Amino acid sequence: MNRRTSIQFGLALAGLARYQLASAHHGWSSFDQTRPVFLSGRAANVRWRNPHVEFTLELDPRLQLPADLADRRVPAQSAQVDGPSVLKRAVLPNRRDPRWEIELAPIFRINQWQIPQIQPGQAVELVGFTFSAEQGSALLRAEYLFLADRVYGLRSSPA
């Protein structure tokens, strides 16, 4: 392989890697932020890594909105998030998949909030966002994580 072909091949590989990284990571704009969704269940297959912490949520078969959800206190974040409004607007998902993929925040933000590592089988509640009309896979990008009587904001760092 000559030098020019090697350079072109290297550039093509770099472009492919950038594309794969971009398509594997979902920014907030990919999600329908007008319709917060509430989920609860047990964590499974926890992946504590970058670009963000992920786990599979085994959905509670008796899923219902908690009566106190709209009244729960949420922590202040550095980003302007109207937490009380998000909780008041939260609904149950339309789809009833028994398992959902959950995206939390990057490790550095998880560390800022001092979130303990989620263990398989641990009870978890979340409010977050799905893709528009819940299309595609059962995926939730978490805005708030309710874990062991604590609430964590995941959009940004603590205020």
Protein backbone atom coordinates (compact mmCIF):
# COMPACT_ATOMS: atom_id res chain seq x y z
CA MET A 1 0.00 0.00 0.00
CA ASN A 2 1.50 3.34 -1.01
CA ARG A 3 1.59 6.40 1.25
CA ARG A 4 -1.38 8.15 -0.41
CA THR A 5 -3.58 5.05 -0.15
CA SER A 6 -2.54 4.62 3.49
CA ILE A 7 -3.52 8.21 4.31
CA GLN A 8 -6.88 7.87 2.53
CA PHE A 9 -7.56 4.60 4.33
CA GLY A 10 -6.67 6.18 7.69
CA LEU A 11 -8.96 9.16 7.03
CA ALA A 12 -11.80 6.84 6.04
CA LEU A 13 -11.37 4.85 9.26
CA ALA A 14 -11.31 8.04 11.34
CA GLY A 15 -14.52 9.23 9.66
CA LEU A 16 -16.21 5.90 10.29
CA ALA A 17 -15.18 6.00 13.96
CA ARG A 18 -16.57 9.53 14.36
CA TYR A 19 -19.85 8.46 12.73
CA GLN A 20 -20.15 5.42 15.01
CA LEU A 21 -19.50 7.50 18.13
CA ALA A 22 -22.02 10.14 17.10
CA SER A 23 -24.71 7.62 16.25
CA ALA A 24 -24.13 5.63 19.44
CA HIS A 25 -24.59 8.64 21.71
CA HIS A 26 -27.91 10.46 21.95
CA GLY A 27 -27.95 14.12 22.91
CA TRP A 28 -30.97 15.61 24.64
CA SER A 29 -32.31 16.96 21.33
CA SER A 30 -33.04 13.41 20.12
CA PHE A 31 -35.72 13.00 22.78
CA ASP A 32 -39.28 14.34 23.08
CA GLN A 33 -38.86 16.75 25.99
CA THR A 34 -42.53 17.79 25.92
CA ARG A 35 -43.65 14.45 27.37
CA PRO A 36 -41.81 13.23 30.48
CA VAL A 37 -42.29 9.53 31.19
CA PHE A 38 -42.21 7.78 34.58
CA LEU A 39 -40.73 4.28 34.90
CA SER A 40 -40.01 2.06 37.88
CA GLY A 41 -38.58 -1.39 38.27
CA ARG A 42 -35.34 -3.20 38.96
CA ALA A 43 -31.94 -2.58 37.41
CA ALA A 44 -30.25 -5.30 35.39
CA ASN A 45 -27.17 -5.44 33.17
CA VAL A 46 -25.66 -2.25 34.63
CA ARG A 47 -22.93 -0.66 32.46
CA TRP A 48 -21.07 1.94 34.54
CA ARG A 49 -19.02 3.56 31.75
CA ASN A 50 -18.79 6.45 29.31
CA PRO A 51 -20.24 7.98 27.21
CA HIS A 52 -22.99 7.56 29.84
CA VAL A 53 -24.08 5.06 32.45
CA GLU A 54 -26.62 2.60 31.06
CA PHE A 55 -28.67 -0.25 32.42
CA THR A 56 -31.65 -2.36 31.56
CA LEU A 57 -34.75 -1.67 33.63
CA GLU A 58 -37.00 -4.64 34.26
CA LEU A 59 -40.28 -2.77 34.41
CA ASP A 60 -42.58 -3.20 37.40
CA PRO A 61 -45.56 -5.14 35.96
CA ARG A 62 -47.88 -3.06 38.18
CA LEU A 63 -46.43 0.22 36.93
CA GLN A 64 -48.41 3.26 38.01
CA LEU A 65 -47.69 6.91 38.70
CA PRO A 66 -46.86 7.47 42.37
CA ALA A 67 -49.46 9.67 44.05
CA ASP A 68 -46.69 11.92 45.41
CA LEU A 69 -44.67 12.26 42.19
CA ALA A 70 -45.75 15.84 41.43
CA ASP A 71 -44.92 16.86 45.02
CA ARG A 72 -41.44 15.37 45.20
CA ARG A 73 -38.61 17.82 45.72
CA VAL A 74 -35.95 17.83 43.04
CA PRO A 75 -32.44 19.20 43.44
CA ALA A 76 -31.29 22.37 41.71
CA GLN A 77 -29.10 21.86 38.66
CA SER A 78 -26.72 24.23 36.90
CA ALA A 79 -28.90 23.95 33.77
CA GLN A 80 -32.26 25.65 33.92
CA VAL A 81 -34.64 22.73 34.35
CA ASP A 82 -38.14 23.30 35.73
CA GLY A 83 -38.12 20.12 37.78
CA PRO A 84 -41.52 20.57 39.44
CA SER A 85 -43.13 21.07 36.03
CA VAL A 86 -41.39 17.98 34.63
CA LEU A 87 -42.73 15.86 37.50
CA LYS A 88 -46.26 17.30 37.19
CA ARG A 89 -46.36 16.49 33.47
CA ALA A 90 -44.97 12.96 33.83
CA VAL A 91 -47.05 10.15 32.35
CA LEU A 92 -46.75 6.41 32.00
CA PRO A 93 -45.33 5.10 28.74
CA ASN A 94 -47.74 4.07 25.99
CA ARG A 95 -45.69 0.99 25.21
CA ARG A 96 -45.56 -1.86 27.71
CA ASP A 97 -42.19 -3.41 26.99
CA PRO A 98 -41.10 -5.49 29.99
CA ARG A 99 -37.53 -4.15 29.64
CA TRP A 100 -36.32 -0.66 28.90
CA GLU A 101 -32.83 0.59 28.18
CA ILE A 102 -31.98 3.50 30.45
CA GLU A 103 -29.39 6.20 29.72
CA LEU A 104 -28.17 8.20 32.68
CA ALA A 105 -25.42 10.83 32.56
CA PRO A 106 -21.69 10.63 31.83
CA ILE A 107 -19.50 9.25 34.60
CA PHE A 108 -18.06 12.69 35.45
CA ARG A 109 -21.58 14.01 36.14
CA ILE A 110 -22.56 10.85 38.03
CA ASN A 111 -19.51 11.54 40.23
CA GLN A 112 -20.51 15.22 40.69
CA TRP A 113 -23.87 14.07 42.07
CA GLN A 114 -22.13 11.34 44.12
CA ILE A 115 -24.53 8.71 42.83
CA PRO A 116 -23.68 5.29 44.23
CA GLN A 117 -23.17 2.57 41.65
CA ILE A 118 -26.49 0.94 40.87
CA GLN A 119 -26.52 -2.78 41.60
CA PRO A 120 -28.37 -5.44 39.61
CA GLY A 121 -31.74 -6.09 41.23
CA GLN A 122 -31.84 -2.65 42.88
CA ALA A 123 -35.19 -0.80 42.82
CA VAL A 124 -35.06 2.33 40.66
CA GLU A 125 -37.56 5.02 39.66
CA LEU A 126 -36.97 7.47 36.84
CA VAL A 127 -38.53 10.37 35.03
CA GLY A 128 -37.12 11.04 31.61
CA PHE A 129 -37.75 11.25 27.93
CA THR A 130 -38.26 8.80 25.08
CA PHE A 131 -37.97 9.28 21.35
CA SER A 132 -40.90 11.06 19.71
CA ALA A 133 -44.07 8.94 19.89
CA GLU A 134 -41.96 6.28 21.67
CA GLN A 135 -40.73 5.10 18.28
CA GLY A 136 -37.83 2.71 17.97
CA SER A 137 -36.48 0.83 20.94
CA ALA A 138 -37.77 1.13 24.49
CA LEU A 139 -35.20 3.72 25.55
CA LEU A 140 -35.44 6.38 28.25
CA ARG A 141 -32.99 9.24 28.76
CA ALA A 142 -33.28 9.97 32.48
CA GLU A 143 -33.85 13.51 33.71
CA TYR A 144 -34.34 12.45 37.34
CA LEU A 145 -33.19 9.32 39.10
CA PHE A 146 -34.93 8.23 42.32
CA LEU A 147 -32.63 5.85 44.11
CA ALA A 148 -32.75 4.73 47.76
CA ASP A 149 -34.79 7.75 48.97
CA ARG A 150 -32.55 10.23 47.11
CA VAL A 151 -33.27 12.25 43.98
CA TYR A 152 -30.58 13.10 41.44
CA GLY A 153 -30.79 15.53 38.54
CA LEU A 154 -29.00 14.29 35.46
CA ARG A 155 -29.22 17.11 32.93
CA SER A 156 -26.30 19.02 34.41
CA SER A 157 -24.15 19.34 37.50
CA PRO A 158 -25.56 20.23 40.93
CA ALA A 159 -26.22 23.95 41.40
